[in-house]
Protein backbone atom coordinates (compact mmCIF):
# COMPACT_ATOMS: atom_id res chain seq x y z
CA MET A 1 5.01 -32.12 -32.89
CA SER A 2 7.28 -30.00 -35.09
CA ASP A 3 7.12 -32.59 -37.92
CA THR A 4 3.36 -32.16 -38.29
CA GLU A 5 2.18 -29.56 -40.79
CA PHE A 6 -0.77 -27.54 -39.48
CA TYR A 7 -3.23 -25.17 -41.11
CA SER A 8 -5.89 -22.85 -39.70
CA THR A 9 -9.47 -22.76 -40.92
CA THR A 10 -12.50 -20.74 -39.87
CA VAL A 11 -15.32 -23.13 -39.06
CA PRO A 12 -18.80 -21.67 -39.70
CA ARG A 13 -20.83 -21.03 -36.50
CA ALA A 14 -17.88 -22.08 -34.31
CA ASP A 15 -16.75 -18.50 -33.57
CA THR A 16 -13.15 -19.71 -33.49
CA ASP A 17 -10.47 -20.99 -35.86
CA PHE A 18 -9.37 -24.61 -35.76
CA THR A 19 -5.63 -25.15 -36.26
CA VAL A 20 -5.20 -28.81 -37.16
CA PRO A 21 -2.85 -31.12 -39.08
CA LYS A 22 -3.38 -31.02 -42.86
CA ARG A 23 -4.68 -34.59 -42.86
CA TYR A 24 -7.97 -33.29 -41.39
CA SER A 25 -10.27 -31.53 -43.87
CA GLU A 26 -13.94 -30.59 -44.38
CA LEU A 27 -14.41 -29.32 -40.82
CA LYS A 28 -18.02 -28.65 -39.82
CA MET A 29 -19.25 -27.67 -36.36
CA ILE A 30 -21.49 -30.27 -34.73
CA GLY A 31 -21.66 -29.14 -31.11
CA ARG A 32 -20.32 -27.01 -28.28
CA GLY A 33 -20.14 -27.36 -24.54
CA ALA A 34 -18.46 -26.00 -21.42
CA GLN A 35 -15.16 -27.63 -22.36
CA GLY A 36 -14.98 -26.60 -25.99
CA ILE A 37 -16.26 -26.96 -29.55
CA VAL A 38 -16.63 -30.17 -31.57
CA CYS A 39 -16.36 -30.40 -35.37
CA SER A 40 -16.70 -33.28 -37.75
CA ALA A 41 -13.82 -33.77 -40.19
CA LEU A 42 -12.46 -36.12 -42.81
CA ASP A 43 -9.26 -37.89 -41.81
CA THR A 44 -7.64 -38.17 -45.24
CA GLN A 45 -4.94 -40.50 -43.91
CA TYR A 46 -7.49 -43.23 -43.18
CA GLY A 47 -10.42 -42.02 -45.30
CA VAL A 48 -12.83 -41.91 -42.36
CA LYS A 49 -14.95 -39.24 -40.70
CA VAL A 50 -13.88 -38.23 -37.18
CA ALA A 51 -14.85 -35.76 -34.49
CA ILE A 52 -12.34 -33.11 -33.37
CA LYS A 53 -12.87 -31.42 -30.02
CA LYS A 54 -11.06 -28.15 -29.39
CA PHE A 55 -10.31 -27.33 -25.76
CA MET A 56 -9.79 -23.59 -25.58
CA LYS A 57 -7.43 -22.73 -22.70
CA PRO A 58 -8.30 -25.93 -20.81
CA PHE A 59 -6.10 -24.79 -17.92
CA GLN A 60 -7.80 -21.40 -17.38
CA THR A 61 -9.31 -22.57 -14.09
CA GLN A 62 -8.45 -25.38 -11.72
CA ILE A 63 -11.81 -27.09 -12.35
CA HIS A 64 -11.54 -26.90 -16.16
CA ALA A 65 -7.95 -28.13 -16.07
CA LYS A 66 -8.61 -31.11 -13.82
CA ARG A 67 -11.59 -32.15 -15.91
CA ALA A 68 -9.66 -31.86 -19.19
CA PHE A 69 -6.68 -33.76 -17.79
CA ARG A 70 -8.88 -36.52 -16.40
CA GLU A 71 -10.74 -36.81 -19.70
CA ILE A 72 -7.60 -37.34 -21.79
CA LYS A 73 -6.14 -39.78 -19.24
CA LEU A 74 -9.33 -41.83 -19.16
CA MET A 75 -9.70 -41.82 -22.95
CA GLN A 76 -6.17 -43.17 -23.29
CA LEU A 77 -6.83 -45.89 -20.72
CA LEU A 78 -10.26 -47.11 -21.80
CA ARG A 79 -9.99 -49.00 -25.10
CA HIS A 80 -13.29 -50.79 -25.70
CA ARG A 81 -15.56 -50.91 -28.74
CA ASN A 82 -18.42 -49.41 -26.72
CA ILE A 83 -16.40 -46.51 -25.31
CA ILE A 84 -15.47 -43.50 -27.39
CA SER A 85 -11.91 -43.89 -28.68
CA LEU A 86 -9.10 -41.37 -28.49
CA LEU A 87 -7.71 -41.39 -32.03
CA ASN A 88 -5.37 -38.43 -31.75
CA LEU A 89 -4.28 -35.75 -29.29
CA PHE A 90 -2.35 -32.67 -30.39
CA THR A 91 -1.67 -28.95 -30.06
CA PRO A 92 -0.27 -26.65 -32.75
CA SER A 93 1.90 -25.01 -30.08
CA GLU A 94 5.60 -25.81 -30.35
CA SER A 95 6.36 -24.88 -26.74
CA ILE A 96 4.56 -24.48 -23.47
CA ASP A 97 4.91 -20.69 -23.71
CA GLY A 98 2.54 -20.55 -26.67
CA PHE A 99 0.29 -23.38 -25.47
CA THR A 100 -3.32 -22.23 -25.46
CA ASP A 101 -5.42 -24.86 -27.25
CA MET A 102 -5.59 -28.66 -27.18
CA TYR A 103 -7.39 -30.89 -29.67
CA VAL A 104 -8.79 -34.38 -29.16
CA VAL A 105 -9.76 -36.55 -32.15
CA MET A 106 -12.46 -39.15 -31.52
CA ASP A 107 -14.85 -41.50 -33.27
CA LEU A 108 -17.63 -39.68 -35.11
CA MET A 109 -21.08 -41.03 -34.31
CA ASP A 110 -24.46 -40.15 -35.85
CA ALA A 111 -26.44 -38.94 -32.82
CA ASN A 112 -26.80 -39.24 -29.08
CA LEU A 113 -29.34 -41.56 -27.51
CA CYS A 114 -31.78 -38.69 -26.86
CA ARG A 115 -32.61 -38.82 -30.57
CA VAL A 116 -33.48 -42.52 -30.28
CA VAL A 117 -35.82 -42.31 -27.27
CA ASN A 118 -38.95 -41.37 -29.23
CA THR A 119 -38.34 -43.64 -32.22
CA GLN A 120 -40.01 -46.97 -32.85
CA LEU A 121 -37.54 -49.66 -31.77
CA ASP A 122 -38.05 -53.41 -31.78
CA HIS A 123 -36.85 -55.68 -28.98
CA GLU A 124 -33.78 -56.60 -30.98
CA ARG A 125 -32.57 -53.00 -31.13
CA VAL A 126 -33.53 -52.10 -27.56
CA SER A 127 -31.81 -55.16 -26.10
CA TYR A 128 -28.72 -54.61 -28.27
CA LEU A 129 -28.42 -50.96 -27.18
CA LEU A 130 -28.76 -51.96 -23.53
CA TYR A 131 -26.25 -54.80 -23.94
CA GLN A 132 -23.65 -52.39 -25.31
CA VAL A 133 -24.18 -49.94 -22.43
CA LEU A 134 -23.67 -52.78 -19.95
CA CYS A 135 -20.51 -53.97 -21.75
CA ALA A 136 -18.99 -50.48 -21.63
CA ILE A 137 -19.86 -49.97 -17.97
CA ARG A 138 -18.49 -53.35 -16.96
CA TYR A 139 -15.20 -52.53 -18.71
CA MET A 140 -15.00 -49.19 -16.89
CA HIS A 141 -15.65 -50.90 -13.57
CA SER A 142 -12.80 -53.33 -14.28
CA ALA A 143 -10.53 -50.27 -14.46
CA GLY A 144 -11.75 -49.14 -11.04
CA ILE A 145 -13.99 -46.43 -12.47
CA ILE A 146 -17.63 -45.56 -11.79
CA HIS A 147 -19.07 -43.37 -14.55
CA ARG A 148 -21.61 -41.61 -12.26
CA ASP A 149 -23.15 -39.49 -15.01
CA LEU A 150 -24.72 -41.97 -17.39
CA LYS A 151 -27.55 -40.37 -19.37
CA PRO A 152 -28.81 -40.50 -22.96
CA SER A 153 -26.87 -37.37 -23.95
CA ASN A 154 -23.62 -39.10 -22.88
CA ILE A 155 -24.29 -42.11 -25.10
CA VAL A 156 -23.78 -41.86 -28.86
CA VAL A 157 -25.04 -44.20 -31.55
CA LYS A 158 -24.72 -44.92 -35.25
CA GLU A 159 -27.44 -45.93 -37.69
CA ASP A 160 -26.31 -49.54 -37.45
CA CYS A 161 -27.19 -49.44 -33.73
CA SER A 162 -23.55 -49.51 -32.59
CA LEU A 163 -23.14 -47.51 -29.39
CA LYS A 164 -20.39 -45.76 -27.44
CA ILE A 165 -20.26 -44.04 -24.05
CA LEU A 166 -18.47 -40.73 -23.73
CA ASP A 167 -17.75 -37.93 -21.26
CA PHE A 168 -15.86 -39.18 -18.20
CA GLY A 169 -15.57 -35.85 -16.41
CA LEU A 170 -17.38 -37.18 -13.34
CA ALA A 171 -15.83 -40.65 -13.25
CA ARG A 172 -14.58 -41.61 -9.80
CA ASN A 173 -12.80 -44.39 -7.97
CA VAL A 174 -14.88 -47.49 -7.28
CA GLY A 175 -13.70 -47.45 -3.67
CA ASN A 176 -14.26 -43.75 -3.05
CA PHE A 177 -17.60 -43.66 -1.24
CA MET A 178 -19.77 -40.81 0.04
CA MET A 179 -19.14 -38.50 -2.90
CA THR A 180 -21.22 -35.36 -3.40
CA PRO A 181 -24.76 -36.11 -4.61
CA TYR A 182 -25.11 -32.89 -6.57
CA VAL A 183 -22.86 -33.58 -9.54
CA VAL A 184 -24.81 -36.42 -11.13
CA THR A 185 -27.60 -35.58 -13.55
CA ARG A 186 -30.75 -35.68 -11.46
CA TYR A 187 -33.04 -37.98 -13.47
CA TYR A 188 -30.61 -40.91 -13.45
CA ARG A 189 -29.37 -40.49 -9.89
CA ALA A 190 -29.50 -43.66 -7.79
CA PRO A 191 -31.46 -43.64 -4.50
CA GLU A 192 -28.35 -44.30 -2.42
CA VAL A 193 -26.73 -41.16 -3.88
CA ILE A 194 -29.81 -39.03 -3.23
CA LEU A 195 -30.01 -40.25 0.38
CA GLY A 196 -26.33 -39.75 1.19
CA MET A 197 -25.49 -43.43 1.61
CA PRO A 198 -22.16 -45.07 0.70
CA TYR A 199 -22.36 -46.27 -2.88
CA ASP A 200 -20.53 -48.35 -5.44
CA GLU A 201 -20.71 -49.53 -9.06
CA LYS A 202 -24.43 -50.24 -8.78
CA VAL A 203 -25.19 -46.54 -9.27
CA ASP A 204 -24.34 -47.19 -12.93
CA VAL A 205 -26.72 -50.16 -12.99
CA TRP A 206 -29.51 -47.88 -11.74
CA ALA A 207 -28.72 -45.23 -14.38
CA SER A 208 -28.65 -47.92 -17.10
CA GLY A 209 -32.04 -49.14 -15.87
CA CYS A 210 -33.43 -45.59 -16.08
CA ILE A 211 -32.17 -45.31 -19.66
CA PHE A 212 -33.69 -48.71 -20.51
CA ALA A 213 -37.05 -47.59 -19.06
CA GLU A 214 -36.81 -44.33 -21.03
CA LEU A 215 -36.29 -46.24 -24.29
CA ILE A 216 -39.43 -48.28 -23.59
CA LYS A 217 -41.65 -45.50 -22.21
CA GLY A 218 -40.45 -42.76 -24.56
CA GLU A 219 -39.91 -40.29 -21.72
CA VAL A 220 -37.86 -39.81 -18.55
CA PHE A 221 -38.91 -42.40 -15.96
CA PHE A 222 -38.17 -40.32 -12.83
CA PRO A 223 -38.41 -36.62 -13.85
CA GLY A 224 -37.58 -34.93 -10.54
CA SER A 225 -37.61 -31.14 -10.41
CA ASP A 226 -34.99 -30.93 -7.65
CA HIS A 227 -32.96 -33.11 -5.29
CA ILE A 228 -35.82 -33.85 -2.86
CA ASP A 229 -38.42 -34.22 -5.59
CA GLN A 230 -36.23 -36.81 -7.30
CA TRP A 231 -36.67 -39.09 -4.28
CA HIS A 232 -40.43 -38.47 -4.29
CA GLN A 233 -40.57 -39.31 -8.00
CA ILE A 234 -38.82 -42.62 -7.34
CA THR A 235 -41.07 -43.61 -4.42
CA SER A 236 -44.24 -42.46 -6.19
CA VAL A 237 -43.38 -44.92 -8.98
CA LEU A 238 -41.71 -47.77 -7.07
CA GLY A 239 -43.32 -47.35 -3.66
CA THR A 240 -41.76 -46.76 -0.24
CA PRO A 241 -38.79 -49.08 0.35
CA ASP A 242 -38.95 -51.64 3.15
CA ASP A 243 -37.59 -51.15 6.66
CA THR A 244 -34.40 -53.13 5.99
CA PHE A 245 -33.37 -50.37 3.59
CA ILE A 246 -34.65 -47.45 5.68
CA ASP A 247 -32.82 -48.74 8.78
CA ARG A 248 -29.48 -48.27 6.98
CA LEU A 249 -30.04 -44.55 6.44
CA MET A 250 -28.71 -41.65 8.49
CA ASP A 251 -31.02 -40.76 11.36
CA THR A 252 -32.22 -37.46 9.89
CA VAL A 253 -32.98 -39.07 6.52
CA LYS A 254 -34.66 -42.02 8.22
CA THR A 255 -36.88 -39.67 10.22
CA TYR A 256 -37.81 -37.67 7.12
CA ILE A 257 -38.79 -40.76 5.09
CA ARG A 258 -40.82 -42.24 7.95
CA SER A 259 -42.65 -38.94 8.36
CA LYS A 260 -44.09 -39.32 4.87
CA PRO A 261 -47.13 -41.50 4.06
CA ARG A 262 -46.13 -44.94 2.84
CA VAL A 263 -46.66 -45.44 -0.87
CA HIS A 264 -47.90 -48.83 -2.08
CA ARG A 265 -45.57 -50.51 -4.55
CA PRO A 266 -47.43 -51.24 -7.80
CA THR A 267 -46.65 -54.23 -9.96
CA TRP A 268 -44.24 -53.81 -12.84
CA GLU A 269 -47.04 -54.86 -15.19
CA GLU A 270 -48.86 -51.75 -14.00
CA LEU A 271 -45.79 -49.53 -14.27
CA VAL A 272 -44.79 -50.61 -17.78
CA PRO A 273 -47.77 -52.35 -19.38
CA ASP A 274 -47.41 -54.51 -22.47
CA HIS A 275 -48.52 -51.80 -24.90
CA LEU A 276 -45.39 -49.73 -24.13
CA PHE A 277 -43.09 -52.52 -25.34
CA PRO A 278 -42.43 -53.41 -28.98
CA SER A 279 -45.06 -55.70 -30.46
CA GLY A 280 -45.87 -57.52 -33.67
CA GLY A 281 -42.96 -59.96 -33.72
CA PRO A 282 -43.34 -63.73 -33.14
CA ASN A 283 -41.46 -63.71 -29.80
CA ASP A 284 -42.43 -60.24 -28.56
CA ALA A 285 -44.63 -61.45 -25.71
CA GLN A 286 -41.77 -63.44 -24.21
CA ARG A 287 -39.28 -60.66 -24.90
CA THR A 288 -41.57 -58.18 -23.16
CA ARG A 289 -41.72 -60.39 -20.06
CA GLU A 290 -37.93 -60.71 -20.08
CA GLY A 291 -37.40 -56.99 -20.62
CA ARG A 292 -39.78 -56.02 -17.84
CA ASP A 293 -38.10 -58.49 -15.46
CA LEU A 294 -34.63 -57.09 -16.20
CA MET A 295 -35.86 -53.52 -15.78
CA SER A 296 -37.42 -54.32 -12.42
CA ARG A 297 -34.18 -55.88 -11.17
CA MET A 298 -32.04 -52.97 -12.36
CA LEU A 299 -34.37 -50.44 -10.74
CA GLU A 300 -34.39 -51.89 -7.24
CA ILE A 301 -34.30 -49.02 -4.73
CA ASP A 302 -32.16 -51.09 -2.38
CA PRO A 303 -28.73 -51.53 -4.04
CA LEU A 304 -28.22 -54.79 -2.09
CA LYS A 305 -31.14 -56.26 -4.05
CA ARG A 306 -30.20 -54.67 -7.38
CA LEU A 307 -28.49 -56.78 -10.03
CA THR A 308 -24.77 -56.40 -10.64
CA ILE A 309 -23.53 -55.57 -14.12
CA ASP A 310 -22.42 -59.19 -14.64
CA GLN A 311 -25.86 -60.46 -13.60
CA CYS A 312 -27.48 -58.02 -16.02
CA LEU A 313 -25.29 -59.30 -18.85
CA GLN A 314 -26.39 -62.87 -18.10
CA HIS A 315 -30.10 -61.96 -18.09
CA PRO A 316 -32.12 -63.57 -20.93
CA TYR A 317 -33.14 -60.19 -22.35
CA VAL A 318 -29.56 -59.31 -23.35
CA ARG A 319 -27.74 -62.64 -23.11
CA CYS A 320 -28.46 -63.40 -26.79
CA TRP A 321 -25.88 -60.74 -27.68
CA TYR A 322 -23.22 -61.99 -25.27
CA ARG A 323 -19.68 -62.13 -26.68
CA GLN A 324 -16.74 -62.90 -24.43
CA GLU A 325 -14.48 -60.29 -26.05
CA GLU A 326 -17.08 -57.56 -25.45
CA ALA A 327 -18.76 -58.49 -22.21
CA SER A 328 -16.01 -60.15 -20.17
CA VAL A 329 -12.86 -58.29 -21.18
CA ASN A 330 -11.10 -56.39 -18.40
CA CYS A 331 -9.15 -53.18 -18.76
CA PRO A 332 -5.43 -54.09 -18.59
CA GLU A 333 -4.72 -51.22 -16.18
CA THR A 334 -6.46 -49.65 -13.22
CA TYR A 335 -6.96 -45.91 -13.41
CA ASN A 336 -4.75 -43.94 -11.01
CA HIS A 337 -7.14 -41.66 -9.12
CA GLY A 338 -4.32 -40.03 -7.17
CA ILE A 339 -4.21 -37.08 -9.56
CA ASP A 340 -7.88 -36.34 -8.78
CA GLU A 341 -6.93 -35.46 -5.24
CA VAL A 342 -4.03 -33.19 -6.21
CA GLU A 343 -4.58 -29.44 -5.86
CA LEU A 344 -2.62 -27.57 -8.53
CA ASN A 345 -2.73 -24.00 -9.76
CA PRO A 346 -3.62 -23.30 -13.42
CA GLU A 347 0.03 -22.93 -14.46
CA GLN A 348 0.90 -26.32 -12.97
CA TRP A 349 -2.06 -27.88 -14.77
CA LYS A 350 -0.87 -26.25 -17.99
CA GLU A 351 2.50 -27.98 -17.61
CA LEU A 352 0.87 -31.35 -16.90
CA ILE A 353 -1.53 -31.12 -19.83
CA PHE A 354 1.20 -29.98 -22.25
CA SER A 355 3.40 -32.82 -21.08
CA GLU A 356 0.56 -35.30 -21.65
CA VAL A 357 -0.04 -34.04 -25.20
CA THR A 358 3.68 -34.06 -26.01
CA GLU A 359 4.11 -37.59 -24.67
CA PHE A 360 1.16 -38.84 -26.70
CA GLN A 361 2.59 -37.35 -29.91
CA GLN A 362 5.96 -38.94 -29.24
CA LYS A 363 4.38 -42.37 -28.73
CA PHE A 364 1.79 -42.09 -31.53
CA PRO A 365 2.93 -39.51 -34.12
CA THR A 366 -0.06 -40.31 -36.36
CA GLY A 367 -2.48 -41.23 -33.61
CA HIS A 368 -4.37 -44.50 -33.25
CA THR A 369 -5.87 -46.40 -36.16
CA PRO A 370 -9.70 -46.01 -36.30
CA VAL A 371 -11.62 -49.25 -35.74
């Protein structure tokens, strides 16, 4: 890292200086979160706009450190056109003694999917957005990863309708069942998570189906106010599930659900009538039927009846976009979840994170080429 020439600049509204390599200029703040501050910048080496995320003392607590470490490991592993790319990883610190801040350089996108929900989209755009989400999720699953926190704010888009998924802080092992139900954003939480059942990759199918429904309806499909209300929102829309599903629940949950009045399951034509879908095009009636059918199969309460990601990708509504190199490519490596189970103190995390940054710079002194 000593060969890289850094400079410090005060970014308006960021309340902190960014110390970055000289190749990055025109920094402007575009967002902030629990993990740090994000600025847009011009990468003069490649002549493209990028996003730079500054992690301020990512190792200050065990939780922050583990999340930051997992994020940079996952971003290095997952290389797919529909997943946010790690373009560069650096720190201005020459040694671990002075190590306080870490910077991640990523693709710069125009907006998150929340901005798209209330816009007028035709079937072509809706189906293409959904196809890209499914491609990204399938690739993650091939690496042994469940995203678990899919939501419109974790999906970013460009004006040309290209889409990327980001934020893997809650990603977990495909085989690691019975994980806490409280970490996943409520509105997109699958029934099996809410009810404390073992779950698998199909939780991401459910979340994708919720996002699809939100794009069509223009609002959250299951807007629960708390954990229990989320279940009531789902059953008030989709009806009470059948006994084959209820019989698989824990006794206390089974008793609770059977104590409630049964809710009749409406038809999907009633739930999402034609006027909610795009109209005016020559094939829109057929596309609406296909879209509604796919939505109904993604939003099956019983995960055993829900479509898999591969089945979704073969559905007529999105199959027109199918490309082998996007939809069938597998991650060359499986993510090692062993580190997620390790309990380290902040100083140990600091050493691990610094080592990761140093190793990246040794392998890729100028980062990855933007695509």
